[in-house]
């Protein structure tokens, strides 16, 4: 018996806004499925060169009314990044709030347009503390 990771799915309210956010993180659209009968679109996005580890964005054409709204069992998405300071600056420059800045050169949290918590982790050794991150406080929840 074996098990293999397949994907993570999150529901989105505005497909194009969500795609734009995940593109800011560096993900690329690898496939899309539109279902006329089911009235939904699935967009799969993945980090470059990692198509086996996609994020599935599910957009229901008629909204999510009537669907279960209990998302408390979902924690966060996590991505390793080559330069956490550069990515956080890029996100901030594009209007994304850095909820938990990378004060330690290791970890940061942001939220998607659908309030999905995304953890960013520095690949390899932590970067040395640097401004503006070292003195930046938390914003909201992460």
N, C-alpha and C. Protein backbone atom coordinates (compact mmCIF):
# COMPACT_ATOMS: atom_id res chain seq x y z
N UNK A 1 0.85 -1.18 0.00
CA UNK A 1 0.00 0.00 0.00
C UNK A 1 0.89 1.24 0.00
N UNK A 2 0.50 2.26 -0.77
CA UNK A 2 1.27 3.50 -0.79
C UNK A 2 0.33 4.69 -0.89
N UNK A 3 0.86 5.85 -0.60
CA UNK A 3 0.09 7.08 -0.71
C UNK A 3 1.00 8.13 -1.33
N UNK A 4 0.42 8.99 -2.16
CA UNK A 4 1.20 10.03 -2.83
C UNK A 4 0.40 11.32 -2.83
N UNK A 5 1.03 12.43 -2.48
CA UNK A 5 0.36 13.72 -2.49
C UNK A 5 -0.19 14.01 -3.88
N UNK A 6 -1.39 14.56 -3.96
CA UNK A 6 -2.00 14.86 -5.24
C UNK A 6 -2.16 16.36 -5.45
N UNK A 7 -2.95 17.03 -4.60
CA UNK A 7 -3.09 18.47 -4.68
C UNK A 7 -3.82 19.01 -3.46
N UNK A 8 -3.84 20.33 -3.32
CA UNK A 8 -4.63 21.02 -2.31
C UNK A 8 -5.67 21.84 -3.05
N UNK A 9 -6.91 21.82 -2.58
CA UNK A 9 -7.97 22.60 -3.21
C UNK A 9 -8.44 23.69 -2.27
N UNK A 10 -8.63 24.90 -2.83
CA UNK A 10 -9.25 26.00 -2.09
C UNK A 10 -10.33 26.60 -2.97
N UNK A 11 -11.43 26.99 -2.33
CA UNK A 11 -12.51 27.67 -3.05
C UNK A 11 -12.16 29.15 -3.16
N UNK A 12 -12.47 29.73 -4.32
CA UNK A 12 -12.19 31.15 -4.53
C UNK A 12 -13.47 31.87 -4.95
N UNK A 13 -13.57 33.12 -4.57
CA UNK A 13 -14.75 33.93 -4.90
C UNK A 13 -14.58 34.70 -6.20
N UNK A 14 -13.34 35.11 -6.49
CA UNK A 14 -13.03 35.87 -7.71
C UNK A 14 -11.84 35.17 -8.36
N UNK A 15 -12.11 34.39 -9.39
CA UNK A 15 -11.09 33.54 -9.99
C UNK A 15 -9.91 34.35 -10.51
N UNK A 16 -10.17 35.41 -11.25
CA UNK A 16 -9.07 36.18 -11.84
C UNK A 16 -8.22 36.86 -10.76
N UNK A 17 -8.85 37.38 -9.72
CA UNK A 17 -8.11 38.02 -8.63
C UNK A 17 -7.24 36.99 -7.90
N UNK A 18 -7.77 35.80 -7.71
CA UNK A 18 -7.01 34.74 -7.04
C UNK A 18 -5.84 34.27 -7.91
N UNK A 19 -6.08 34.09 -9.19
CA UNK A 19 -5.01 33.70 -10.10
C UNK A 19 -3.89 34.74 -10.06
N UNK A 20 -4.27 36.02 -10.08
CA UNK A 20 -3.27 37.10 -10.04
C UNK A 20 -2.44 37.03 -8.76
N UNK A 21 -3.07 36.75 -7.62
CA UNK A 21 -2.35 36.63 -6.35
C UNK A 21 -1.34 35.49 -6.40
N UNK A 22 -1.77 34.32 -6.83
CA UNK A 22 -0.86 33.17 -6.85
C UNK A 22 0.24 33.34 -7.89
N UNK A 23 -0.03 34.11 -8.96
CA UNK A 23 1.04 34.44 -9.91
C UNK A 23 2.08 35.33 -9.25
N UNK A 24 1.64 36.25 -8.37
CA UNK A 24 2.60 37.08 -7.63
C UNK A 24 3.54 36.22 -6.80
N UNK A 25 3.02 35.10 -6.29
CA UNK A 25 3.86 34.18 -5.53
C UNK A 25 4.82 33.41 -6.43
N UNK A 26 4.54 33.39 -7.73
CA UNK A 26 5.41 32.69 -8.66
C UNK A 26 4.79 31.43 -9.25
N UNK A 27 3.54 31.13 -8.88
CA UNK A 27 2.90 29.94 -9.43
C UNK A 27 2.44 30.21 -10.86
N UNK A 28 2.34 29.13 -11.63
CA UNK A 28 1.90 29.21 -13.02
C UNK A 28 0.68 28.32 -13.21
N UNK A 29 -0.23 28.75 -14.08
CA UNK A 29 -1.38 27.91 -14.41
C UNK A 29 -0.89 26.75 -15.25
N UNK A 30 -1.21 25.52 -14.80
CA UNK A 30 -0.76 24.34 -15.55
C UNK A 30 -1.91 23.63 -16.27
N UNK A 31 -3.13 23.83 -15.77
CA UNK A 31 -4.29 23.30 -16.50
C UNK A 31 -5.56 23.92 -15.93
N UNK A 32 -6.63 23.80 -16.73
CA UNK A 32 -7.92 24.39 -16.36
C UNK A 32 -9.02 23.44 -16.84
N UNK A 33 -10.06 23.37 -16.03
CA UNK A 33 -11.21 22.53 -16.40
C UNK A 33 -12.48 23.32 -16.11
N UNK A 34 -13.29 23.53 -17.15
CA UNK A 34 -14.60 24.19 -17.01
C UNK A 34 -15.68 23.15 -17.15
N UNK A 35 -16.63 23.14 -16.21
CA UNK A 35 -17.73 22.20 -16.26
C UNK A 35 -19.05 22.96 -16.41
N UNK A 36 -19.60 22.90 -17.63
CA UNK A 36 -20.91 23.52 -17.87
C UNK A 36 -21.97 22.86 -17.00
N UNK A 37 -21.96 21.53 -16.95
CA UNK A 37 -22.97 20.79 -16.17
C UNK A 37 -22.86 21.08 -14.68
N UNK A 38 -21.65 21.10 -14.16
CA UNK A 38 -21.45 21.34 -12.73
C UNK A 38 -21.37 22.81 -12.38
N UNK A 39 -21.23 23.67 -13.40
CA UNK A 39 -21.17 25.12 -13.24
C UNK A 39 -20.01 25.54 -12.33
N UNK A 40 -18.83 25.01 -12.65
CA UNK A 40 -17.63 25.39 -11.90
C UNK A 40 -16.42 25.38 -12.83
N UNK A 41 -15.36 26.03 -12.37
CA UNK A 41 -14.07 26.02 -13.05
C UNK A 41 -13.02 25.61 -12.03
N UNK A 42 -12.14 24.70 -12.44
CA UNK A 42 -10.98 24.33 -11.63
C UNK A 42 -9.74 24.82 -12.38
N UNK A 43 -8.92 25.60 -11.70
CA UNK A 43 -7.65 26.05 -12.25
C UNK A 43 -6.55 25.48 -11.37
N UNK A 44 -5.62 24.77 -12.00
CA UNK A 44 -4.51 24.18 -11.27
C UNK A 44 -3.26 25.03 -11.50
N UNK A 45 -2.63 25.41 -10.40
CA UNK A 45 -1.42 26.24 -10.46
C UNK A 45 -0.32 25.53 -9.69
N UNK A 46 0.91 25.72 -10.16
CA UNK A 46 2.05 25.06 -9.49
C UNK A 46 3.28 25.94 -9.63
N UNK A 47 4.23 25.70 -8.74
CA UNK A 47 5.52 26.37 -8.85
C UNK A 47 6.21 25.88 -10.12
N UNK A 48 7.02 26.74 -10.75
CA UNK A 48 7.70 26.33 -11.97
C UNK A 48 8.50 25.04 -11.77
N UNK A 49 8.32 24.11 -12.70
CA UNK A 49 9.03 22.85 -12.65
C UNK A 49 8.48 21.85 -11.64
N UNK A 50 7.35 22.17 -11.00
CA UNK A 50 6.77 21.29 -10.00
C UNK A 50 5.31 20.96 -10.29
N UNK A 51 5.00 20.49 -11.49
CA UNK A 51 3.61 20.24 -11.85
C UNK A 51 2.95 19.12 -11.04
N UNK A 52 3.75 18.31 -10.35
CA UNK A 52 3.18 17.23 -9.55
C UNK A 52 2.64 17.70 -8.20
N UNK A 53 2.80 19.00 -7.89
CA UNK A 53 2.38 19.53 -6.58
C UNK A 53 1.50 20.77 -6.78
N UNK A 54 0.33 20.58 -7.41
CA UNK A 54 -0.47 21.76 -7.74
C UNK A 54 -1.41 22.21 -6.61
N UNK A 55 -1.81 23.45 -6.77
CA UNK A 55 -2.88 24.04 -5.98
C UNK A 55 -4.09 24.13 -6.91
N UNK A 56 -5.22 23.60 -6.47
CA UNK A 56 -6.45 23.66 -7.27
C UNK A 56 -7.31 24.80 -6.75
N UNK A 57 -7.59 25.77 -7.62
CA UNK A 57 -8.52 26.85 -7.31
C UNK A 57 -9.87 26.43 -7.88
N UNK A 58 -10.89 26.35 -7.02
CA UNK A 58 -12.23 25.97 -7.47
C UNK A 58 -13.14 27.18 -7.40
N UNK A 59 -13.69 27.54 -8.54
CA UNK A 59 -14.60 28.68 -8.63
C UNK A 59 -15.98 28.17 -9.04
N UNK A 60 -16.96 28.38 -8.18
CA UNK A 60 -18.35 28.00 -8.46
C UNK A 60 -19.04 29.18 -9.14
N UNK A 61 -19.52 28.97 -10.36
CA UNK A 61 -20.07 30.05 -11.16
C UNK A 61 -21.25 30.73 -10.49
N UNK A 62 -22.02 29.99 -9.71
CA UNK A 62 -23.22 30.56 -9.08
C UNK A 62 -22.97 30.97 -7.63
N UNK A 63 -21.73 31.05 -7.22
CA UNK A 63 -21.40 31.41 -5.84
C UNK A 63 -21.38 30.18 -4.95
N UNK A 64 -21.11 30.40 -3.69
CA UNK A 64 -20.95 29.30 -2.73
C UNK A 64 -22.12 29.17 -1.75
N UNK A 65 -23.21 29.89 -1.99
CA UNK A 65 -24.36 29.77 -1.10
C UNK A 65 -24.84 28.33 -1.06
N UNK A 66 -25.13 27.86 0.12
CA UNK A 66 -25.61 26.49 0.28
C UNK A 66 -24.51 25.47 0.46
N UNK A 67 -23.26 25.87 0.24
CA UNK A 67 -22.13 24.96 0.45
C UNK A 67 -21.67 25.07 1.90
N UNK A 68 -21.07 24.03 2.43
CA UNK A 68 -20.56 24.12 3.80
C UNK A 68 -19.57 25.27 3.92
N UNK A 69 -19.67 26.04 5.00
CA UNK A 69 -18.78 27.19 5.17
C UNK A 69 -17.76 26.98 6.28
N UNK A 70 -17.68 25.79 6.82
CA UNK A 70 -16.76 25.51 7.92
C UNK A 70 -15.37 25.23 7.38
N UNK A 71 -14.52 26.26 7.39
CA UNK A 71 -13.16 26.08 6.88
C UNK A 71 -12.14 26.04 8.01
N UNK A 72 -12.59 25.86 9.23
CA UNK A 72 -11.66 25.93 10.37
C UNK A 72 -10.68 24.78 10.42
N UNK A 73 -10.88 23.75 9.63
CA UNK A 73 -9.96 22.63 9.64
C UNK A 73 -8.82 22.80 8.64
N UNK A 74 -8.87 23.88 7.88
CA UNK A 74 -7.80 24.15 6.92
C UNK A 74 -6.83 25.11 7.57
N UNK A 75 -5.56 24.75 7.62
CA UNK A 75 -4.55 25.59 8.27
C UNK A 75 -3.96 26.62 7.33
N UNK A 76 -3.09 26.21 6.42
CA UNK A 76 -2.46 27.13 5.49
C UNK A 76 -1.75 26.36 4.37
N UNK A 77 -1.40 27.10 3.33
CA UNK A 77 -0.53 26.59 2.28
C UNK A 77 0.88 27.01 2.66
N UNK A 78 1.88 26.26 2.29
CA UNK A 78 3.26 26.63 2.60
C UNK A 78 4.12 26.45 1.37
N UNK A 79 5.01 27.42 1.14
CA UNK A 79 5.94 27.39 0.02
C UNK A 79 7.33 27.78 0.48
N UNK A 80 8.34 27.05 0.02
CA UNK A 80 9.74 27.43 0.23
C UNK A 80 10.10 28.42 -0.87
N UNK A 81 10.84 29.47 -0.51
CA UNK A 81 11.19 30.51 -1.47
C UNK A 81 12.69 30.78 -1.42
N UNK A 82 13.24 31.22 -2.54
CA UNK A 82 14.69 31.43 -2.62
C UNK A 82 15.13 32.70 -1.92
N UNK A 83 14.27 33.73 -1.84
CA UNK A 83 14.62 34.99 -1.17
C UNK A 83 13.35 35.57 -0.56
N UNK A 84 13.15 35.30 0.71
CA UNK A 84 11.91 35.70 1.38
C UNK A 84 11.74 37.22 1.42
N UNK A 85 12.84 37.95 1.56
CA UNK A 85 12.75 39.41 1.58
C UNK A 85 12.31 39.95 0.22
N UNK A 86 12.89 39.45 -0.85
CA UNK A 86 12.54 39.91 -2.19
C UNK A 86 11.08 39.58 -2.51
N UNK A 87 10.64 38.37 -2.17
CA UNK A 87 9.25 38.01 -2.46
C UNK A 87 8.28 38.85 -1.64
N UNK A 88 8.56 39.05 -0.36
CA UNK A 88 7.67 39.87 0.47
C UNK A 88 7.62 41.31 -0.06
N UNK A 89 8.75 41.84 -0.50
CA UNK A 89 8.75 43.20 -1.08
C UNK A 89 7.91 43.23 -2.35
N UNK A 90 8.07 42.22 -3.20
CA UNK A 90 7.30 42.11 -4.44
C UNK A 90 5.80 42.06 -4.13
N UNK A 91 5.42 41.26 -3.15
CA UNK A 91 4.01 41.16 -2.77
C UNK A 91 3.50 42.50 -2.25
N UNK A 92 4.27 43.12 -1.35
CA UNK A 92 3.88 44.41 -0.79
C UNK A 92 3.74 45.47 -1.88
N UNK A 93 4.67 45.49 -2.82
CA UNK A 93 4.62 46.45 -3.92
C UNK A 93 3.37 46.27 -4.78
N UNK A 94 2.77 45.09 -4.71
CA UNK A 94 1.56 44.79 -5.48
C UNK A 94 0.32 44.77 -4.60
N UNK A 95 0.39 45.40 -3.43
CA UNK A 95 -0.79 45.59 -2.59
C UNK A 95 -1.13 44.46 -1.65
N UNK A 96 -0.27 43.46 -1.51
CA UNK A 96 -0.54 42.34 -0.60
C UNK A 96 -0.02 42.72 0.79
N UNK A 97 -0.87 42.54 1.80
CA UNK A 97 -0.48 42.82 3.19
C UNK A 97 0.39 41.67 3.70
N UNK A 98 1.50 42.01 4.30
CA UNK A 98 2.36 41.01 4.92
C UNK A 98 1.89 40.88 6.36
N UNK A 99 1.10 39.85 6.64
CA UNK A 99 0.50 39.69 7.97
C UNK A 99 1.52 39.38 9.04
N UNK A 100 2.48 38.53 8.71
CA UNK A 100 3.56 38.20 9.64
C UNK A 100 4.84 38.41 8.85
N UNK A 101 5.52 39.54 9.06
CA UNK A 101 6.74 39.83 8.30
C UNK A 101 7.86 38.85 8.62
N UNK A 102 8.82 38.71 7.70
CA UNK A 102 9.94 37.78 7.92
C UNK A 102 11.02 38.41 8.81
N UNK A 103 10.65 38.79 10.01
CA UNK A 103 11.59 39.43 10.94
C UNK A 103 12.83 38.58 11.18
N UNK A 104 12.64 37.27 11.17
CA UNK A 104 13.73 36.35 11.46
C UNK A 104 14.47 35.87 10.21
N UNK A 105 14.10 36.41 9.05
CA UNK A 105 14.73 35.96 7.81
C UNK A 105 14.35 34.55 7.43
N UNK A 106 13.31 34.03 8.07
CA UNK A 106 12.93 32.63 7.88
C UNK A 106 11.50 32.44 7.43
N UNK A 107 10.54 33.13 8.07
CA UNK A 107 9.14 32.81 7.85
C UNK A 107 8.30 34.09 7.74
N UNK A 108 7.32 34.04 6.84
CA UNK A 108 6.35 35.12 6.71
C UNK A 108 5.00 34.49 6.40
N UNK A 109 3.93 35.25 6.66
CA UNK A 109 2.58 34.82 6.30
C UNK A 109 1.87 35.96 5.58
N UNK A 110 1.10 35.59 4.55
CA UNK A 110 0.23 36.50 3.83
C UNK A 110 -1.12 35.82 3.68
N UNK A 111 -2.11 36.55 3.20
CA UNK A 111 -3.43 35.98 2.94
C UNK A 111 -3.83 36.22 1.50
N UNK A 112 -4.47 35.23 0.90
CA UNK A 112 -4.96 35.35 -0.47
C UNK A 112 -6.21 36.23 -0.47
N UNK A 113 -6.71 36.60 -1.66
CA UNK A 113 -7.96 37.36 -1.71
C UNK A 113 -9.14 36.62 -1.07
N UNK A 114 -9.02 35.31 -0.90
CA UNK A 114 -10.08 34.51 -0.28
C UNK A 114 -9.76 34.19 1.17
N UNK A 115 -8.80 34.91 1.75
CA UNK A 115 -8.45 34.78 3.16
C UNK A 115 -7.74 33.46 3.48
N UNK A 116 -7.15 32.83 2.48
CA UNK A 116 -6.37 31.62 2.70
C UNK A 116 -5.00 32.04 3.22
N UNK A 117 -4.58 31.48 4.33
CA UNK A 117 -3.28 31.79 4.91
C UNK A 117 -2.19 31.07 4.13
N UNK A 118 -1.14 31.83 3.73
CA UNK A 118 -0.04 31.28 2.96
C UNK A 118 1.25 31.54 3.73
N UNK A 119 1.95 30.46 4.07
CA UNK A 119 3.22 30.55 4.78
C UNK A 119 4.35 30.53 3.76
N UNK A 120 5.29 31.46 3.92
CA UNK A 120 6.47 31.52 3.07
C UNK A 120 7.67 31.21 3.94
N UNK A 121 8.49 30.26 3.51
CA UNK A 121 9.65 29.82 4.29
C UNK A 121 10.92 29.98 3.46
N UNK A 122 11.93 30.60 4.05
CA UNK A 122 13.21 30.77 3.37
C UNK A 122 13.87 29.42 3.14
N UNK A 123 14.24 29.17 1.90
CA UNK A 123 14.94 27.93 1.57
C UNK A 123 16.39 28.02 2.06
N UNK A 124 16.90 26.94 2.60
CA UNK A 124 18.29 26.92 3.07
C UNK A 124 18.44 27.69 4.37
N UNK A 125 19.57 28.35 4.52
CA UNK A 125 19.85 29.12 5.74
C UNK A 125 18.96 30.35 5.82
N UNK A 126 18.57 30.71 7.05
CA UNK A 126 17.81 31.94 7.26
C UNK A 126 18.64 33.13 6.80
N UNK A 127 17.95 34.15 6.27
CA UNK A 127 18.64 35.38 5.90
C UNK A 127 18.90 36.20 7.17
N UNK A 128 19.97 37.00 7.19
CA UNK A 128 20.22 37.83 8.37
C UNK A 128 19.09 38.86 8.52
N UNK A 129 18.73 39.21 9.77
CA UNK A 129 17.68 40.22 9.97
C UNK A 129 17.99 41.49 9.19
N UNK A 130 16.94 42.07 8.59
CA UNK A 130 17.10 43.27 7.77
C UNK A 130 15.84 44.12 7.86
N UNK A 131 16.01 45.41 7.70
CA UNK A 131 14.88 46.32 7.66
C UNK A 131 14.30 46.35 6.25
N UNK A 132 13.02 46.61 6.08
CA UNK A 132 12.09 47.06 7.13
C UNK A 132 11.49 45.91 7.94
N UNK A 133 11.86 44.70 7.59
CA UNK A 133 11.22 43.52 8.17
C UNK A 133 11.50 43.34 9.65
N UNK A 134 12.73 43.58 10.10
CA UNK A 134 13.13 43.30 11.48
C UNK A 134 12.29 44.06 12.50
N UNK A 135 11.84 45.25 12.16
CA UNK A 135 11.07 46.05 13.12
C UNK A 135 9.58 46.14 12.77
N UNK A 136 9.16 45.44 11.75
CA UNK A 136 7.76 45.49 11.31
C UNK A 136 6.90 44.56 12.18
N UNK A 137 5.78 45.07 12.64
CA UNK A 137 4.86 44.28 13.45
C UNK A 137 3.91 43.44 12.62
N UNK A 138 3.21 42.56 13.29
CA UNK A 138 2.18 41.75 12.63
C UNK A 138 0.99 42.64 12.27
N UNK A 139 0.28 42.23 11.21
CA UNK A 139 -0.93 42.92 10.78
C UNK A 139 -2.04 41.89 10.65
N UNK A 140 -3.11 42.04 11.40
CA UNK A 140 -4.23 41.12 11.30
C UNK A 140 -3.85 39.73 11.78
N UNK A 141 -4.56 38.75 11.24
CA UNK A 141 -4.34 37.36 11.62
C UNK A 141 -3.57 36.64 10.53
N UNK A 142 -2.82 35.62 10.91
CA UNK A 142 -2.08 34.83 9.93
C UNK A 142 -2.17 33.39 10.27
